[in-house]
Amino acid sequence: MLTLLIPLLALPESFLISLWLDRYLRKIGMTVPDAHKKGKPPVARPGGPAIVIAVLTSIGILYLFTRSVDIISFGLCILIAFSVGLIDDLRALSGPVKVGLVVIAAVPLVLLHTYSPVMPFPFSFHIRLSTAYPFLVLVAIPITANAFNMIDVYNGLVSGFTAIATVPLLIDFVFTGQTIPAFLALAFLLANIGFYPLHRNPARLFPGDSGTLAMGAAYGALAIIGHAELVAVVALLPAVLNSFFVISSVGGLVEHRKMKKRPIIVDDDFKLVAARDADAPMTLTRMILADGPLTESQVTLRILCLECFSALLAVLTFALTGVKI
């Protein structure tokens, strides 16, 4: 019963640290302008430490009770991705360098062998990838980290998106009796919920790359440790598609701040408008705005609704995959 309560600590801890970071970062001048608001008000950044500290504290206490290697693997993955993101927050890294460094976050999963090379597919079909799977792990973590990083463009989006996307994984772990992955997913989910009040519109705190890379790496690690790769892929469809649109349209990994042309512009009414320039990067938001201008909150809500639909599809996918091996 006590171990069941441990992941619950992540919610109040994340919220309280977020409140403190909001005040502290503003005090020392670590703010960035909110580009989609009138007057571009300053927003504190990075808020990633709130989520990471909350998760690591909860799972650290859990480790004292369980001594599970899955917890060590998960914690190291988050910590490494967070460190890369924090360096980028303080001293901007190029896109390829950042992704290359995030590969290191996948190494603990491989070295500690906290994965199963048997992947479940619908209708009880399974495929074994004994030799290739470790290499897939090294690729998967940078992909999920980059996908979360790229979708962090509006107030409340990445934290809300992450919370919704984590629910199918939690359902998977609970119904397959995977206690440790379920506890890890619950702590991760609640840490994002605790961060959301300060991230939602109008945001007081941005996660920064330290937050988004840690979120994406954590999500990928959860899917790998809990053998829920297919469920995770379905749940992340909006983020994966957004990353594909951006990378294919700009011809590689390019930082938001280094894009020569913006996919979205803000009109005089402070609504978001899709860029008319054919050479502007293609994004999920630009496609949503094809029918006309929307407010930032409206765009965020539509993307979160898409994610809710993907999460439902992910739950259905889990129902079709049968019992995990």
Protein backbone atom coordinates (compact mmCIF):
# COMPACT_ATOMS: atom_id res chain seq x y z
CA MET A 1 0.00 0.00 0.00
CA LEU A 2 2.87 2.35 0.84
CA THR A 3 4.58 1.77 -2.49
CA LEU A 4 1.32 2.59 -4.26
CA LEU A 5 1.35 6.04 -2.65
CA ILE A 6 4.94 6.84 -3.65
CA PRO A 7 4.21 7.83 -7.31
CA LEU A 8 1.51 10.19 -6.03
CA LEU A 9 4.24 12.40 -4.56
CA ALA A 10 5.21 13.48 -8.06
CA LEU A 11 2.14 15.69 -8.53
CA PRO A 12 2.47 18.07 -5.56
CA GLU A 13 6.25 18.05 -5.83
CA SER A 14 6.17 19.03 -9.52
CA PHE A 15 3.63 21.77 -8.82
CA LEU A 16 5.54 23.25 -5.88
CA ILE A 17 8.89 23.18 -7.69
CA SER A 18 7.22 24.82 -10.71
CA LEU A 19 5.97 27.65 -8.47
CA TRP A 20 9.45 28.13 -7.05
CA LEU A 21 11.10 28.04 -10.48
CA ASP A 22 8.65 30.63 -11.79
CA ARG A 23 9.74 33.09 -9.11
CA TYR A 24 13.43 32.20 -9.09
CA LEU A 25 14.01 32.22 -12.85
CA ARG A 26 12.28 35.59 -13.19
CA LYS A 27 14.41 36.95 -10.36
CA ILE A 28 17.67 36.01 -12.10
CA GLY A 29 16.41 37.10 -15.53
CA MET A 30 16.04 33.69 -17.15
CA THR A 31 12.97 34.43 -19.25
CA VAL A 32 12.03 34.26 -22.91
CA PRO A 33 9.35 36.24 -24.77
CA ASP A 34 6.02 34.54 -25.46
CA ALA A 35 5.97 35.15 -29.22
CA HIS A 36 2.24 34.54 -29.64
CA LYS A 37 1.04 37.13 -27.10
CA LYS A 38 0.48 40.86 -27.29
CA GLY A 39 3.60 42.63 -26.14
CA LYS A 40 5.49 39.32 -26.02
CA PRO A 41 5.46 39.04 -22.22
CA PRO A 42 8.44 37.31 -20.56
CA VAL A 43 7.97 33.69 -19.47
CA ALA A 44 10.32 31.87 -17.12
CA ARG A 45 12.42 29.05 -18.62
CA PRO A 46 13.54 26.30 -18.16
CA GLY A 47 10.89 24.59 -16.08
CA GLY A 48 12.09 21.11 -16.97
CA PRO A 49 13.74 20.57 -13.56
CA ALA A 50 10.30 20.56 -11.91
CA ILE A 51 9.18 17.50 -13.87
CA VAL A 52 12.51 15.69 -13.73
CA ILE A 53 13.11 16.22 -10.00
CA ALA A 54 9.55 15.14 -9.20
CA VAL A 55 9.89 11.94 -11.24
CA LEU A 56 13.39 11.07 -10.01
CA THR A 57 12.46 11.65 -6.37
CA SER A 58 9.41 9.40 -6.60
CA ILE A 59 11.14 6.59 -8.43
CA GLY A 60 14.20 6.93 -6.19
CA ILE A 61 12.06 6.24 -3.13
CA LEU A 62 10.37 3.41 -5.01
CA TYR A 63 13.78 1.88 -5.75
CA LEU A 64 14.52 1.63 -2.02
CA PHE A 65 11.53 -0.71 -1.71
CA THR A 66 11.92 -2.71 -4.92
CA ARG A 67 15.60 -2.60 -5.99
CA SER A 68 14.36 -2.90 -9.56
CA VAL A 69 16.90 -2.44 -12.35
CA ASP A 70 14.06 -1.04 -14.48
CA ILE A 71 13.96 1.98 -12.20
CA ILE A 72 17.71 2.55 -12.53
CA SER A 73 17.50 2.29 -16.31
CA PHE A 74 14.52 4.63 -16.52
CA GLY A 75 16.05 7.18 -14.16
CA LEU A 76 19.39 7.29 -15.98
CA CYS A 77 17.63 7.71 -19.34
CA ILE A 78 15.69 10.71 -18.05
CA LEU A 79 18.71 12.25 -16.32
CA ILE A 80 20.94 12.05 -19.39
CA ALA A 81 18.30 13.48 -21.73
CA PHE A 82 17.58 16.24 -19.21
CA SER A 83 21.29 17.10 -19.00
CA VAL A 84 21.55 17.41 -22.78
CA GLY A 85 18.48 19.64 -22.82
CA LEU A 86 19.78 21.81 -19.99
CA ILE A 87 23.02 22.39 -21.89
CA ASP A 88 20.92 23.41 -24.89
CA ASP A 89 18.83 25.76 -22.72
CA LEU A 90 21.97 27.47 -21.44
CA ARG A 91 24.12 27.24 -24.57
CA ALA A 92 22.24 26.48 -27.78
CA LEU A 93 23.24 23.26 -29.53
CA SER A 94 22.68 22.48 -33.20
CA GLY A 95 19.88 20.06 -34.05
CA PRO A 96 22.12 17.15 -35.16
CA VAL A 97 24.45 17.54 -32.15
CA LYS A 98 21.53 17.58 -29.73
CA VAL A 99 19.98 14.46 -31.24
CA GLY A 100 23.36 12.74 -31.29
CA LEU A 101 23.89 13.42 -27.58
CA VAL A 102 20.42 12.13 -26.72
CA VAL A 103 21.50 8.74 -28.10
CA ILE A 104 23.53 8.42 -24.90
CA ALA A 105 20.27 8.44 -22.93
CA ALA A 106 19.34 5.13 -24.58
CA VAL A 107 22.55 3.39 -23.52
CA PRO A 108 21.38 2.45 -19.97
CA LEU A 109 18.38 0.63 -21.47
CA VAL A 110 20.73 -1.45 -23.62
CA LEU A 111 23.49 -2.05 -21.07
CA LEU A 112 21.07 -3.00 -18.29
CA HIS A 113 19.02 -5.05 -20.77
CA THR A 114 15.72 -3.57 -19.61
CA TYR A 115 13.92 -4.47 -22.81
CA SER A 116 12.37 -7.44 -24.54
CA PRO A 117 13.28 -8.21 -28.18
CA VAL A 118 9.82 -9.74 -28.68
CA MET A 119 7.38 -7.17 -30.04
CA PRO A 120 3.61 -7.84 -29.87
CA PHE A 121 1.35 -7.05 -32.79
CA PRO A 122 -2.43 -7.23 -33.17
CA PHE A 123 -4.18 -10.60 -33.06
CA SER A 124 -1.48 -12.23 -30.88
CA PHE A 125 1.19 -12.03 -33.57
CA HIS A 126 4.75 -11.52 -32.26
CA ILE A 127 8.09 -10.85 -33.89
CA ARG A 128 11.51 -11.45 -32.33
CA LEU A 129 14.30 -8.95 -33.05
CA SER A 130 17.06 -10.30 -30.83
CA THR A 131 20.00 -8.86 -32.79
CA ALA A 132 18.44 -5.69 -34.16
CA TYR A 133 16.47 -4.56 -31.11
CA PRO A 134 19.37 -2.94 -29.15
CA PHE A 135 20.09 -0.75 -32.19
CA LEU A 136 16.41 0.11 -32.44
CA VAL A 137 16.50 1.25 -28.81
CA LEU A 138 19.40 3.59 -29.61
CA VAL A 139 17.31 5.09 -32.41
CA ALA A 140 13.96 5.14 -30.63
CA ILE A 141 14.92 7.37 -27.68
CA PRO A 142 16.24 10.25 -29.87
CA ILE A 143 13.12 9.95 -32.05
CA THR A 144 10.68 10.27 -29.15
CA ALA A 145 12.77 13.01 -27.50
CA ASN A 146 12.88 14.98 -30.75
CA ALA A 147 9.14 14.49 -31.36
CA PHE A 148 8.26 15.96 -27.96
CA ASN A 149 10.74 18.78 -28.45
CA MET A 150 9.23 19.73 -31.82
CA ILE A 151 5.65 19.81 -30.56
CA ASP A 152 6.51 22.21 -27.73
CA VAL A 153 5.32 25.35 -29.52
CA TYR A 154 2.26 26.61 -27.61
CA ASN A 155 1.23 27.23 -24.02
CA GLY A 156 0.22 24.01 -22.28
CA LEU A 157 0.66 21.83 -25.34
CA VAL A 158 3.59 19.52 -24.59
CA SER A 159 2.65 18.95 -20.94
CA GLY A 160 -1.00 18.27 -21.81
CA PHE A 161 0.02 16.11 -24.77
CA THR A 162 2.41 14.07 -22.63
CA ALA A 163 -0.19 13.46 -19.93
CA ILE A 164 -2.75 12.23 -22.46
CA ALA A 165 -0.23 10.05 -24.31
CA THR A 166 0.89 8.39 -21.07
CA VAL A 167 -2.60 7.13 -20.19
CA PRO A 168 -2.60 4.27 -22.78
CA LEU A 169 0.78 3.10 -21.48
CA LEU A 170 -0.51 3.12 -17.91
CA ILE A 171 -3.58 1.12 -18.95
CA ASP A 172 -1.33 -1.36 -20.76
CA PHE A 173 0.93 -1.85 -17.73
CA VAL A 174 -1.94 -2.21 -15.27
CA PHE A 175 -3.83 -4.79 -17.31
CA THR A 176 -0.69 -6.81 -18.07
CA GLY A 177 0.34 -6.86 -14.42
CA GLN A 178 3.59 -4.92 -14.89
CA THR A 179 3.82 -3.26 -11.49
CA ILE A 180 7.11 -1.36 -11.83
CA PRO A 181 6.37 0.11 -15.29
CA ALA A 182 2.91 1.07 -14.03
CA PHE A 183 4.41 2.94 -11.06
CA LEU A 184 6.93 4.67 -13.34
CA ALA A 185 4.18 5.71 -15.76
CA LEU A 186 1.99 6.99 -12.94
CA ALA A 187 4.79 9.12 -11.47
CA PHE A 188 5.58 10.50 -14.94
CA LEU A 189 1.92 11.23 -15.65
CA LEU A 190 1.37 13.03 -12.34
CA ALA A 191 4.58 15.07 -12.69
CA ASN A 192 3.28 16.43 -15.99
CA ILE A 193 -0.12 17.16 -14.48
CA GLY A 194 1.58 19.04 -11.63
CA PHE A 195 3.55 21.12 -14.13
CA TYR A 196 0.55 21.89 -16.36
CA PRO A 197 -1.08 24.67 -14.25
CA LEU A 198 1.94 26.91 -14.77
CA HIS A 199 2.39 25.89 -18.39
CA ARG A 200 -1.19 26.29 -19.60
CA ASN A 201 -2.30 29.48 -21.35
CA PRO A 202 -1.24 32.11 -20.34
CA ALA A 203 1.98 30.33 -19.46
CA ARG A 204 4.14 31.41 -16.55
CA LEU A 205 6.74 28.71 -17.10
CA PHE A 206 8.11 26.98 -20.22
CA PRO A 207 9.70 23.50 -19.91
CA GLY A 208 12.61 24.33 -22.21
CA ASP A 209 14.60 21.65 -24.00
CA SER A 210 15.60 20.23 -20.62
CA GLY A 211 11.93 19.44 -20.07
CA THR A 212 10.87 18.31 -23.54
CA LEU A 213 13.89 16.07 -24.18
CA ALA A 214 13.44 14.46 -20.76
CA MET A 215 9.72 13.96 -21.44
CA GLY A 216 10.34 12.35 -24.81
CA ALA A 217 13.15 10.14 -23.55
CA ALA A 218 11.06 9.09 -20.54
CA TYR A 219 8.13 8.22 -22.78
CA GLY A 220 10.30 6.12 -25.08
CA ALA A 221 11.91 4.39 -22.10
CA LEU A 222 8.50 3.55 -20.61
CA ALA A 223 7.38 1.97 -23.89
CA ILE A 224 10.58 -0.10 -24.13
CA ILE A 225 10.74 -1.21 -20.49
CA GLY A 226 7.03 -2.10 -20.49
CA HIS A 227 7.07 -3.82 -23.91
CA ALA A 228 4.43 -1.39 -25.21
CA GLU A 229 6.23 -0.10 -28.30
CA LEU A 230 3.31 -0.43 -30.71
CA VAL A 231 0.89 1.18 -28.26
CA ALA A 232 3.30 4.09 -27.82
CA VAL A 233 3.74 4.61 -31.56
CA VAL A 234 -0.02 4.82 -32.08
CA ALA A 235 -0.43 7.18 -29.11
CA LEU A 236 2.26 9.50 -30.48
CA LEU A 237 0.95 9.74 -34.04
CA PRO A 238 0.28 13.53 -33.96
CA ALA A 239 3.79 14.26 -32.62
CA VAL A 240 5.46 11.79 -34.98
CA LEU A 241 3.62 13.21 -37.98
CA ASN A 242 4.52 16.76 -36.94
CA SER A 243 8.20 15.80 -36.74
CA PHE A 244 8.01 14.09 -40.13
CA PHE A 245 6.37 17.15 -41.73
CA VAL A 246 9.00 19.52 -40.30
CA ILE A 247 12.06 17.39 -41.09
CA SER A 248 10.91 16.55 -44.62
CA SER A 249 9.99 20.15 -45.44
CA VAL A 250 13.22 21.74 -44.16
CA GLY A 251 15.47 18.90 -45.28
CA GLY A 252 16.86 17.88 -41.90
CA LEU A 253 17.05 18.65 -38.20
CA VAL A 254 16.86 22.42 -37.79
CA GLU A 255 16.28 24.35 -34.57
CA HIS A 256 13.09 26.47 -34.39
CA ARG A 257 15.16 29.60 -33.85
CA LYS A 258 17.29 28.89 -36.94
CA MET A 259 14.45 28.38 -39.42
CA LYS A 260 14.74 31.03 -42.11
CA LYS A 261 11.00 31.10 -42.74
CA ARG A 262 8.26 30.75 -40.17
CA PRO A 263 5.40 28.29 -40.77
CA ILE A 264 3.02 30.38 -38.64
CA ILE A 265 2.60 34.15 -38.30
CA VAL A 266 0.64 36.20 -35.79
CA ASP A 267 -1.88 38.67 -37.28
CA ASP A 268 -2.98 42.03 -35.91
CA ASP A 269 -5.68 40.35 -33.79
CA PHE A 270 -3.05 38.05 -32.29
CA LYS A 271 -4.47 35.02 -34.02
CA LEU A 272 -2.26 32.40 -35.63
CA VAL A 273 -2.23 32.31 -39.41
CA ALA A 274 -0.65 29.73 -41.72
CA ALA A 275 2.22 31.18 -43.73
CA ARG A 276 1.43 31.57 -47.43
CA ASP A 277 5.05 31.08 -48.49
CA ALA A 278 5.34 27.71 -50.21
CA ASP A 279 8.90 27.34 -48.87
CA ALA A 280 7.86 27.73 -45.24
CA PRO A 281 8.20 24.56 -43.13
CA MET A 282 5.15 22.30 -43.02
CA THR A 283 3.88 21.58 -39.51
CA LEU A 284 0.81 20.04 -37.95
CA THR A 285 -0.30 23.51 -36.84
CA ARG A 286 0.06 24.92 -40.33
CA MET A 287 -2.23 22.18 -41.61
CA ILE A 288 -4.77 22.89 -38.86
CA LEU A 289 -4.75 26.58 -39.78
CA ALA A 290 -5.40 25.87 -43.46
CA ASP A 291 -9.10 26.67 -42.92
CA GLY A 292 -8.38 30.06 -41.35
CA PRO A 293 -6.85 31.88 -38.36
CA LEU A 294 -7.28 30.54 -34.82
CA THR A 295 -6.19 31.68 -31.39
CA GLU A 296 -3.32 29.91 -29.67
CA SER A 297 -5.74 28.27 -27.24
CA GLN A 298 -7.90 26.99 -30.11
CA VAL A 299 -4.89 25.47 -31.88
CA THR A 300 -3.70 23.84 -28.67
CA LEU A 301 -7.16 22.41 -28.00
CA ARG A 302 -7.38 20.92 -31.50
CA ILE A 303 -3.99 19.24 -31.20
CA LEU A 304 -4.91 17.86 -27.78
CA CYS A 305 -8.19 16.54 -29.23
CA LEU A 306 -6.17 14.79 -31.95
CA GLU A 307 -4.00 13.31 -29.24
CA CYS A 308 -7.07 12.10 -27.31
CA PHE A 309 -8.21 10.30 -30.46
CA SER A 310 -4.74 8.76 -30.92
CA ALA A 311 -4.76 7.69 -27.27
CA LEU A 312 -8.07 5.91 -27.81
CA LEU A 313 -6.61 4.17 -30.87
CA ALA A 314 -3.62 3.18 -28.75
CA VAL A 315 -5.90 1.59 -26.14
CA LEU A 316 -7.66 -0.30 -28.94
CA THR A 317 -4.26 -1.40 -30.26
CA PHE A 318 -3.41 -2.75 -26.81
CA ALA A 319 -6.70 -4.64 -26.71
CA LEU A 320 -5.78 -6.31 -30.02
CA THR A 321 -2.20 -7.21 -29.12
CA GLY A 322 -3.25 -9.74 -26.48
CA VAL A 323 -1.06 -10.81 -23.56
CA LYS A 324 2.53 -9.58 -23.54
CA ILE A 325 5.44 -12.01 -23.48
